[in-house]
Amino acid sequence: MAVESADDRANFLGISDFGLAGTYTPSGGSASTVNGIFDKPSSSIPLDSGELDVDSNTPTFLCETSDVSSAASGDTISISAVGYTVVGVQADGQGMTNLVLELT
């Protein structure tokens, strides 16, 4: 059982604080508005030689599982007028899902 309630999750993801509204569209389905936390962390990956790093980022969108219960690779989401394709779905089993994204 999750420690937080559905109300707690909704408050955390609300657009009045940290959250953003995204337009989520499952493949072959209808679009809906989903609140979540958008993140675009960067990382540096060293090459074998150790002399050069490759910089990368993997955008993600953390939202309530109930809003994206049938999420799958190939679905799309638009956040702040930027389109992304879902390439990974990471449900935590406690009511939250992290969508791994790439630019469309």
Protein backbone atom coordinates (compact mmCIF):
# COMPACT_ATOMS: atom_id res chain seq x y z
CA MET A 1 0.00 0.00 0.00
CA ALA A 2 1.28 3.46 -0.90
CA VAL A 3 2.34 5.78 1.88
CA GLU A 4 0.73 8.78 0.24
CA SER A 5 -2.88 9.14 -0.81
CA ALA A 6 -4.27 10.02 -4.23
CA ASP A 7 -4.84 13.56 -2.91
CA ASP A 8 -1.18 13.78 -1.83
CA ARG A 9 -0.03 12.73 -5.29
CA ALA A 10 -2.38 15.19 -6.99
CA ASN A 11 -1.11 18.04 -4.80
CA PHE A 12 2.53 17.12 -5.47
CA LEU A 13 1.97 17.01 -9.23
CA GLY A 14 -0.27 20.09 -9.33
CA ILE A 15 0.68 22.88 -11.69
CA SER A 16 0.53 25.45 -8.88
CA ASP A 17 3.81 24.08 -7.49
CA PHE A 18 6.17 21.77 -9.35
CA GLY A 19 3.96 20.16 -11.95
CA LEU A 20 3.28 20.86 -15.58
CA ALA A 21 0.27 19.89 -17.66
CA GLY A 22 1.02 17.57 -20.56
CA THR A 23 -1.20 16.33 -23.36
CA TYR A 24 -0.84 12.56 -23.33
CA THR A 25 -2.02 10.49 -26.30
CA PRO A 26 -1.85 6.70 -26.21
CA SER A 27 -1.24 5.04 -29.59
CA GLY A 28 -4.59 4.86 -31.34
CA GLY A 29 -6.32 6.61 -28.43
CA SER A 30 -7.68 9.98 -27.43
CA ALA A 31 -5.63 12.80 -25.95
CA SER A 32 -6.01 13.76 -22.30
CA THR A 33 -4.41 16.30 -19.99
CA VAL A 34 -2.05 14.80 -17.41
CA ASN A 35 -0.21 16.65 -14.64
CA GLY A 36 3.31 15.59 -13.83
CA ILE A 37 6.89 16.55 -13.09
CA PHE A 38 9.02 17.04 -16.20
CA ASP A 39 12.74 16.48 -15.79
CA LYS A 40 15.58 16.56 -18.29
CA PRO A 41 18.67 15.50 -16.37
CA SER A 42 21.99 15.53 -18.14
CA SER A 43 24.78 13.04 -17.73
CA SER A 44 28.30 12.71 -18.98
CA ILE A 45 29.45 9.34 -20.26
CA PRO A 46 33.21 8.80 -20.56
CA LEU A 47 34.49 7.14 -23.71
CA ASP A 48 36.95 4.25 -23.46
CA SER A 49 39.96 6.51 -23.97
CA GLY A 50 39.00 8.62 -20.95
CA GLU A 51 39.93 11.77 -22.85
CA LEU A 52 36.47 12.69 -24.04
CA ASP A 53 33.00 12.50 -22.55
CA VAL A 54 29.70 12.31 -24.37
CA ASP A 55 26.96 14.44 -22.87
CA SER A 56 23.45 13.10 -22.93
CA ASN A 57 20.04 13.77 -21.42
CA THR A 58 16.97 11.66 -20.99
CA PRO A 59 13.76 13.60 -20.47
CA THR A 60 11.17 12.04 -18.17
CA PHE A 61 7.65 12.82 -17.01
CA LEU A 62 6.57 11.56 -13.57
CA CYS A 63 2.80 11.25 -13.24
CA GLU A 64 0.05 9.25 -11.58
CA THR A 65 -0.24 5.70 -12.84
CA SER A 66 -4.02 6.03 -13.02
CA ASP A 67 -3.59 8.80 -15.64
CA VAL A 68 -1.43 6.61 -17.90
CA SER A 69 -2.52 3.11 -16.88
CA SER A 70 -2.06 1.65 -20.35
CA ALA A 71 1.10 3.62 -21.22
CA ALA A 72 3.41 1.96 -23.73
CA SER A 73 6.34 2.78 -25.96
CA GLY A 74 5.14 4.75 -28.96
CA ASP A 75 2.60 6.85 -27.07
CA THR A 76 3.12 10.61 -27.30
CA ILE A 77 3.02 13.53 -24.90
CA SER A 78 3.32 17.25 -25.50
CA ILE A 79 4.82 19.32 -22.67
CA SER A 80 5.19 23.11 -22.94
CA ALA A 81 4.49 22.88 -26.70
CA VAL A 82 7.29 20.32 -27.25
CA GLY A 83 6.40 16.87 -28.56
CA TYR A 84 7.89 13.68 -27.11
CA THR A 85 7.52 9.97 -27.79
CA VAL A 86 7.35 7.55 -24.86
CA VAL A 87 10.27 5.09 -25.10
CA GLY A 88 9.97 3.55 -21.63
CA VAL A 89 7.41 3.14 -18.87
CA GLN A 90 8.58 2.74 -15.27
CA ALA A 91 5.71 2.14 -12.85
CA ASP A 92 6.74 2.07 -9.19
CA GLY A 93 3.84 -0.11 -8.03
CA GLN A 94 2.82 2.60 -5.57
CA GLY A 95 0.71 4.82 -7.83
CA MET A 96 3.38 6.74 -9.77
CA THR A 97 4.77 6.14 -13.26
CA ASN A 98 7.85 7.65 -14.85
CA LEU A 99 7.55 8.00 -18.63
CA VAL A 100 10.95 7.97 -20.34
CA LEU A 101 10.82 10.26 -23.37
CA GLU A 102 12.63 11.28 -26.50
CA LEU A 103 11.99 14.25 -28.76
CA THR A 104 9.51 13.53 -31.54
